[in-house]
Amino acid sequence: MSAGLATVGPDEGDQRLDRWLKRRFPALPHGQVQKLLRTGQIRVDGKRAEASQRLAVGQSVRLPPQLTGEAPAAQPRAPRPVSDDEAADLRARVLFQDDWAIALDKPAGLAVQGGSGQSRPLDHLLGALAGAGQEAPRLVHRLDRDTSGVLLLGRTAQATRALAAAFKERSARKLYLAIIAGRLEKPAGRIDLPLAKGREGDERELMSVDPNGDPAVTLYAVAQTTADGKASLVALSPLTGRTHQLRVHLAHLGHPILGDGKYGGRRAHPPLRGLPGQLLLHARELAVPHPEDGTTLRVEAPLPPHFRQALKVLELEERRVERAVEELEKRGL
């Protein structure tokens, strides 16, 4: 059995190597970790590593056979080859690409990584975007399975680390559009509510507002509210990147995103004929420093069909978004 390679994921950066190994292999004794490192059987980007070495997103960790043969559930079996149809569909979703990065228009309903109940997540398909002799691009950040819009990939380990650092250091600017229940009290504002992870049952991880949680800040501006005040089109800019941040913040205010079955409750599913039951949250635009020269890389994704259908049913207009975006820019987008 040969050694295998594992890639440090978008939510695994800035961890000590020994702690990363413990999370991936809970049953692995500390002494064995030290021995494997001391004898060079675990390497990072091909080089010997210390237990205290901090990992960066996109780095490759070489694992010895005794670990790859006992891989935990988080390490799925090798995916089946990408079909011609899958490859063609993925390439058609490319919004931008150069030697450093690729930006995709991720459809709603596609999981970014495995473990979310889907047998064919996006990270099983990324090999279709590699050129001849190139490795598959790497995920830089995540979008929820039911969120559509701009998703950024790094084409090399160096580019992935630089792009991931932009998210960590909050120099990545993100703009989302959402349709929410009701009318917000103020036309624009700042939601500053810390969030913490909780559990519902044994499977569904939930986030909640918690004064002892991690800081979470969202800027918002209302683009338009329906004549009856029952729904609003809003522009959102998360200044932090907590899991489900936008969904939890809006639900906590009593204005859940329509179609949000996890946090929205009944109010997120008004009984309107023709209104899609999908989550109405779209990552419209992403701007980050380019990993090559620091110039701004800005990518925009068009609204998906289900979002446009919702606008039509609710008699809301996409053109109203621009003024809301201007308001967000004044507030620090």
Protein backbone atom coordinates (compact mmCIF):
# COMPACT_ATOMS: atom_id res chain seq x y z
CA MET A 1 0.00 0.00 0.00
CA SER A 2 1.46 3.38 -0.94
CA ALA A 3 1.43 6.63 0.99
CA GLY A 4 -1.32 9.11 0.27
CA LEU A 5 -1.72 12.88 0.10
CA ALA A 6 -4.28 14.96 1.95
CA THR A 7 -4.94 18.62 1.24
CA VAL A 8 -5.45 21.16 4.02
CA GLY A 9 -9.04 22.35 3.57
CA PRO A 10 -10.54 25.87 3.66
CA ASP A 11 -11.47 25.57 7.32
CA GLU A 12 -8.26 23.85 8.44
CA GLY A 13 -5.68 26.60 7.96
CA ASP A 14 -3.50 28.00 10.76
CA GLN A 15 -3.62 24.76 12.75
CA ARG A 16 -0.66 22.95 14.27
CA LEU A 17 0.19 19.83 12.32
CA ASP A 18 -0.23 17.56 15.34
CA ARG A 19 -3.69 18.97 16.06
CA TRP A 20 -4.67 18.63 12.39
CA LEU A 21 -3.65 14.97 12.54
CA LYS A 22 -5.59 14.46 15.77
CA ARG A 23 -8.75 15.86 14.18
CA ARG A 24 -8.39 13.64 11.14
CA PHE A 25 -7.27 10.56 13.05
CA PRO A 26 -8.78 10.75 16.58
CA ALA A 27 -7.52 7.27 17.51
CA LEU A 28 -3.90 8.01 16.57
CA PRO A 29 -1.75 8.09 19.75
CA HIS A 30 0.41 11.16 20.35
CA GLY A 31 3.51 9.00 20.58
CA GLN A 32 2.88 7.52 17.15
CA VAL A 33 2.44 10.99 15.68
CA GLN A 34 5.85 11.97 17.05
CA LYS A 35 7.46 8.81 15.67
CA LEU A 36 5.96 9.27 12.21
CA LEU A 37 7.17 12.87 12.11
CA ARG A 38 10.62 12.01 13.49
CA THR A 39 11.13 9.32 10.85
CA GLY A 40 9.90 11.54 8.02
CA GLN A 41 6.83 9.43 7.23
CA ILE A 42 4.58 12.48 7.48
CA ARG A 43 5.69 15.41 5.34
CA VAL A 44 4.23 18.80 4.40
CA ASP A 45 4.66 19.86 0.76
CA GLY A 46 7.29 17.14 0.45
CA LYS A 47 9.43 18.37 3.35
CA ARG A 48 10.02 17.04 6.85
CA ALA A 49 7.79 18.73 9.39
CA GLU A 50 7.57 19.36 13.11
CA ALA A 51 4.50 18.73 15.25
CA SER A 52 4.23 22.46 15.97
CA GLN A 53 4.34 23.53 12.31
CA ARG A 54 1.29 25.57 11.37
CA LEU A 55 -0.51 24.51 8.23
CA ALA A 56 -1.83 26.75 5.48
CA VAL A 57 -4.88 26.15 3.32
CA GLY A 58 -3.94 24.22 0.18
CA GLN A 59 -0.81 22.57 1.55
CA SER A 60 -0.33 18.85 0.88
CA VAL A 61 0.32 16.47 3.78
CA ARG A 62 1.92 13.13 2.93
CA LEU A 63 0.44 10.33 5.02
CA PRO A 64 1.99 6.88 5.51
CA PRO A 65 0.19 3.68 4.46
CA GLN A 66 -0.95 2.81 7.98
CA LEU A 67 -2.99 6.01 8.04
CA THR A 68 -4.29 6.01 4.49
CA GLY A 69 -5.39 2.45 5.05
CA GLU A 70 -7.38 3.56 8.10
CA ALA A 71 -8.72 6.83 6.75
CA PRO A 72 -11.60 8.34 8.74
CA ALA A 73 -14.98 9.16 7.29
CA ALA A 74 -13.78 12.69 6.51
CA GLN A 75 -11.43 11.16 3.93
CA PRO A 76 -13.75 9.74 1.27
CA ARG A 77 -12.88 7.00 -1.15
CA ALA A 78 -11.41 8.05 -4.46
CA PRO A 79 -14.28 9.52 -6.52
CA ARG A 80 -15.28 8.02 -9.83
CA PRO A 81 -13.85 9.73 -12.92
CA VAL A 82 -15.51 12.94 -14.05
CA SER A 83 -17.86 12.29 -16.98
CA ASP A 84 -17.76 14.34 -20.18
CA ASP A 85 -21.11 15.92 -19.31
CA GLU A 86 -19.98 16.84 -15.80
CA ALA A 87 -16.77 18.35 -17.14
CA ALA A 88 -18.59 20.36 -19.80
CA ASP A 89 -21.10 21.71 -17.28
CA LEU A 90 -18.35 22.73 -14.86
CA ARG A 91 -16.30 24.47 -17.55
CA ALA A 92 -19.38 26.35 -18.69
CA ARG A 93 -19.63 27.78 -15.17
CA VAL A 94 -16.19 29.37 -15.21
CA LEU A 95 -16.52 33.14 -14.71
CA PHE A 96 -12.80 33.90 -14.66
CA GLN A 97 -9.53 32.04 -14.93
CA ASP A 98 -5.83 32.70 -15.30
CA ASP A 99 -2.66 30.91 -14.21
CA TRP A 100 -3.41 31.67 -10.55
CA ALA A 101 -7.14 31.42 -9.92
CA ILE A 102 -10.47 30.18 -11.22
CA ALA A 103 -13.84 31.63 -10.27
CA LEU A 104 -16.93 29.48 -10.71
CA ASP A 105 -20.64 30.27 -10.75
CA LYS A 106 -21.70 27.61 -8.25
CA PRO A 107 -25.32 26.49 -8.66
CA ALA A 108 -27.64 26.19 -5.69
CA GLY A 109 -27.92 22.59 -4.50
CA LEU A 110 -24.32 21.61 -5.22
CA ALA A 111 -22.28 20.79 -2.10
CA VAL A 112 -18.75 22.17 -2.18
CA GLN A 113 -17.25 19.29 -0.21
CA GLY A 114 -18.34 15.78 0.75
CA GLY A 115 -20.02 14.91 4.00
CA SER A 116 -23.19 16.91 3.37
CA GLY A 117 -25.34 14.06 2.14
CA GLN A 118 -24.37 14.35 -1.52
CA SER A 119 -22.53 11.65 -3.40
CA ARG A 120 -21.08 14.05 -5.96
CA PRO A 121 -19.75 17.25 -4.32
CA LEU A 122 -17.84 19.90 -6.24
CA ASP A 123 -14.42 18.89 -4.94
CA HIS A 124 -14.84 15.54 -6.72
CA LEU A 125 -15.15 17.38 -10.03
CA LEU A 126 -12.31 19.89 -9.88
CA GLY A 127 -9.92 17.69 -11.85
CA ALA A 128 -11.94 18.64 -14.94
CA LEU A 129 -10.55 22.18 -14.62
CA ALA A 130 -6.89 21.10 -14.63
CA GLY A 131 -4.85 21.49 -17.78
CA ALA A 132 -2.61 18.76 -19.16
CA GLY A 133 0.00 17.83 -16.56
CA GLN A 134 -1.53 20.17 -13.96
CA GLU A 135 -2.98 19.32 -10.56
CA ALA A 136 -6.63 20.00 -9.77
CA PRO A 137 -7.40 23.50 -8.45
CA ARG A 138 -8.02 23.85 -4.72
CA LEU A 139 -10.93 25.34 -2.79
CA VAL A 140 -10.15 28.70 -1.20
CA HIS A 141 -13.40 29.19 0.72
CA ARG A 142 -16.87 27.67 0.91
CA LEU A 143 -20.45 28.43 0.03
CA ASP A 144 -23.39 26.62 1.61
CA ARG A 145 -24.82 23.88 -0.54
CA ASP A 146 -28.02 25.85 -1.19
CA THR A 147 -26.28 29.19 -1.84
CA SER A 148 -25.49 30.11 -5.44
CA GLY A 149 -22.82 32.41 -6.80
CA VAL A 150 -19.09 33.17 -6.96
CA LEU A 151 -16.75 30.48 -5.65
CA LEU A 152 -12.98 30.99 -5.86
CA LEU A 153 -10.34 28.32 -6.48
CA GLY A 154 -6.55 28.47 -6.39
CA ARG A 155 -4.68 26.85 -9.27
CA THR A 156 -1.48 26.25 -7.29
CA ALA A 157 -0.67 25.74 -3.62
CA GLN A 158 1.00 29.18 -3.55
CA ALA A 159 -2.03 30.91 -5.05
CA THR A 160 -4.42 29.05 -2.73
CA ARG A 161 -2.47 30.14 0.34
CA ALA A 162 -2.42 33.78 -0.82
CA LEU A 163 -6.14 33.81 -1.60
CA ALA A 164 -7.06 32.05 1.65
CA ALA A 165 -5.01 34.65 3.54
CA ALA A 166 -7.15 37.38 1.99
CA PHE A 167 -10.24 35.80 3.53
CA LYS A 168 -8.55 35.29 6.89
CA GLU A 169 -7.23 38.87 6.98
CA ARG A 170 -10.61 40.24 5.85
CA SER A 171 -9.25 41.85 2.71
CA ALA A 172 -11.72 39.84 0.62
CA ARG A 173 -14.88 41.87 -0.06
CA LYS A 174 -18.07 39.83 -0.45
CA LEU A 175 -21.45 40.98 -1.71
CA TYR A 176 -24.57 38.82 -1.39
CA LEU A 177 -28.16 39.32 -2.45
CA ALA A 178 -31.05 37.81 -0.52
CA ILE A 179 -34.81 37.98 -0.38
CA ILE A 180 -35.97 38.04 3.22
CA ALA A 181 -39.27 37.90 5.05
CA GLY A 182 -40.80 41.23 6.03
CA ARG A 183 -39.44 44.75 6.23
CA LEU A 184 -36.32 45.61 8.25
CA GLU A 185 -36.70 48.39 10.78
CA LYS A 186 -33.91 50.46 9.21
CA PRO A 187 -33.16 50.72 5.46
CA ALA A 188 -29.46 50.07 6.13
CA GLY A 189 -27.39 49.06 9.09
CA ARG A 190 -24.86 46.83 10.80
CA ILE A 191 -25.63 43.52 12.50
CA ASP A 192 -23.05 42.77 15.17
CA LEU A 193 -24.01 39.52 16.87
CA PRO A 194 -21.47 36.84 17.92
CA LEU A 195 -22.15 33.30 16.78
CA ALA A 196 -21.38 29.87 18.21
CA LYS A 197 -21.84 26.31 17.01
CA GLY A 198 -24.52 24.14 18.50
CA ARG A 199 -26.07 20.80 17.71
CA GLU A 200 -29.56 19.64 16.80
CA GLY A 201 -29.86 15.91 17.29
CA ASP A 202 -26.84 14.01 16.06
CA GLU A 203 -26.51 15.23 12.51
CA ARG A 204 -27.51 18.82 11.81
CA GLU A 205 -24.99 21.36 12.94
CA LEU A 206 -26.62 24.67 13.78
CA MET A 207 -25.21 28.09 14.54
CA SER A 208 -26.80 30.46 17.02
CA VAL A 209 -26.33 33.93 18.44
CA ASP A 210 -24.27 33.57 21.60
CA PRO A 211 -22.68 36.40 23.63
CA ASN A 212 -19.70 34.10 24.23
CA GLY A 213 -19.38 33.16 20.58
CA ASP A 214 -17.04 34.36 17.85
CA PRO A 215 -17.46 37.93 16.57
CA ALA A 216 -19.71 38.14 13.51
CA VAL A 217 -20.54 41.36 11.66
CA THR A 218 -22.83 41.87 8.66
CA LEU A 219 -23.60 45.08 6.79
CA TYR A 220 -26.96 45.30 5.02
CA ALA A 221 -28.90 47.69 2.81
CA VAL A 222 -32.48 47.22 1.63
CA ALA A 223 -32.88 47.48 -2.13
CA GLN A 224 -36.68 47.18 -2.27
CA THR A 225 -39.61 45.98 -0.17
CA THR A 226 -42.83 44.57 -1.61
CA ALA A 227 -45.91 46.78 -1.58
CA ASP A 228 -47.46 44.67 1.20
CA GLY A 229 -44.25 44.70 3.26
CA LYS A 230 -44.06 40.92 3.37
CA ALA A 231 -40.66 40.52 1.67
CA SER A 232 -37.56 42.57 0.90
CA LEU A 233 -34.65 42.35 -1.51
CA VAL A 234 -31.46 43.16 0.40
CA ALA A 235 -27.74 43.52 -0.31
CA LEU A 236 -25.46 41.99 2.33
CA SER A 237 -21.76 42.20 3.07
CA PRO A 238 -20.35 39.85 5.74
CA LEU A 239 -17.26 41.41 7.31
CA THR A 240 -16.51 38.10 9.02
CA GLY A 241 -16.85 34.58 7.65
CA ARG A 242 -18.73 32.55 10.23
CA THR A 243 -20.67 29.46 9.20
CA HIS A 244 -24.22 30.37 8.10
CA GLN A 245 -23.59 33.93 9.28
CA LEU A 246 -26.04 35.74 7.00
CA ARG A 247 -28.79 33.18 7.55
CA VAL A 248 -28.48 33.24 11.34
CA HIS A 249 -28.18 37.02 11.63
CA LEU A 250 -31.31 37.66 9.58
CA ALA A 251 -33.30 34.88 11.23
CA HIS A 252 -32.37 36.25 14.66
CA LEU A 253 -33.77 39.64 13.66
CA GLY A 254 -37.05 37.97 12.71
CA HIS A 255 -36.46 38.34 8.96
CA PRO A 256 -35.20 34.95 7.74
CA ILE A 257 -34.05 34.44 4.18
CA LEU A 258 -36.89 32.95 2.15
CA GLY A 259 -36.48 29.25 1.50
CA ASP A 260 -34.23 28.71 4.53
CA GLY A 261 -35.43 25.41 5.93
CA LYS A 262 -32.69 25.26 8.55
CA TYR A 263 -33.11 28.59 10.31
CA GLY A 264 -36.17 30.27 8.83
CA GLY A 265 -39.15 28.33 10.14
CA ARG A 266 -42.60 28.87 8.66
CA ARG A 267 -42.00 32.55 7.96
CA ALA A 268 -39.31 31.63 5.43
CA HIS A 269 -41.87 29.71 3.35
CA PRO A 270 -44.81 32.02 2.50
CA PRO A 271 -47.63 30.26 0.61
CA LEU A 272 -47.24 32.14 -2.68
CA ARG A 273 -47.94 30.38 -5.96
CA GLY A 274 -44.84 30.16 -8.12
CA LEU A 275 -42.39 31.09 -5.37
CA PRO A 276 -39.42 28.69 -5.42
CA GLY A 277 -38.87 26.69 -2.28
CA GLN A 278 -35.08 27.10 -2.60
CA LEU A 279 -32.89 29.30 -0.42
CA LEU A 280 -32.89 32.80 -1.91
CA LEU A 281 -29.28 33.70 -1.13
CA HIS A 282 -26.80 34.50 -3.89
CA ALA A 283 -23.07 35.35 -3.69
CA ARG A 284 -23.18 38.04 -6.34
CA GLU A 285 -19.68 39.50 -6.20
CA LEU A 286 -16.26 38.78 -4.77
CA ALA A 287 -13.22 41.08 -4.80
CA VAL A 288 -9.80 39.93 -3.56
CA PRO A 289 -6.17 40.97 -4.03
CA HIS A 290 -4.75 38.99 -6.94
CA PRO A 291 -2.13 36.52 -5.66
CA GLU A 292 0.35 37.53 -8.37
CA ASP A 293 0.53 41.32 -8.00
CA GLY A 294 -2.06 42.46 -5.44
CA THR A 295 -4.31 44.19 -7.96
CA THR A 296 -8.03 43.72 -7.35
CA LEU A 297 -9.58 40.60 -8.80
CA ARG A 298 -13.31 41.25 -9.00
CA VAL A 299 -15.79 38.63 -10.19
CA GLU A 300 -19.59 38.83 -10.47
CA ALA A 301 -22.08 35.98 -10.90
CA PRO A 302 -25.47 36.50 -12.57
CA LEU A 303 -28.65 35.72 -10.68
CA PRO A 304 -29.74 32.09 -11.10
CA PRO A 305 -33.15 31.24 -12.59
CA HIS A 306 -34.84 30.41 -9.27
CA PHE A 307 -33.84 33.81 -7.83
CA ARG A 308 -35.14 35.64 -10.92
CA GLN A 309 -38.38 33.69 -10.66
CA ALA A 310 -38.78 34.81 -7.04
CA LEU A 311 -38.21 38.45 -8.01
CA LYS A 312 -40.91 38.14 -10.65
CA VAL A 313 -43.43 36.52 -8.28
CA LEU A 314 -42.81 39.15 -5.60
CA GLU A 315 -42.67 42.04 -8.11
CA LEU A 316 -39.18 43.06 -7.01
CA GLU A 317 -36.61 44.54 -9.38
CA GLU A 318 -32.94 43.62 -9.61
CA ARG A 319 -32.04 47.12 -10.83
CA ARG A 320 -32.87 48.46 -7.36
CA VAL A 321 -29.82 46.64 -6.02
CA GLU A 322 -27.30 49.18 -7.29
CA ARG A 323 -28.39 51.91 -4.89
CA ALA A 324 -28.22 49.43 -2.00
CA VAL A 325 -24.69 48.47 -3.05
CA GLU A 326 -23.70 52.15 -3.02
CA GLU A 327 -25.00 52.37 0.53
CA LEU A 328 -22.91 49.35 1.55
CA GLU A 329 -19.81 50.89 -0.01
CA LYS A 330 -20.34 54.00 2.10
CA ARG A 331 -20.49 51.77 5.17
CA GLY A 332 -17.28 49.92 4.41
CA LEU A 333 -18.00 47.16 1.88
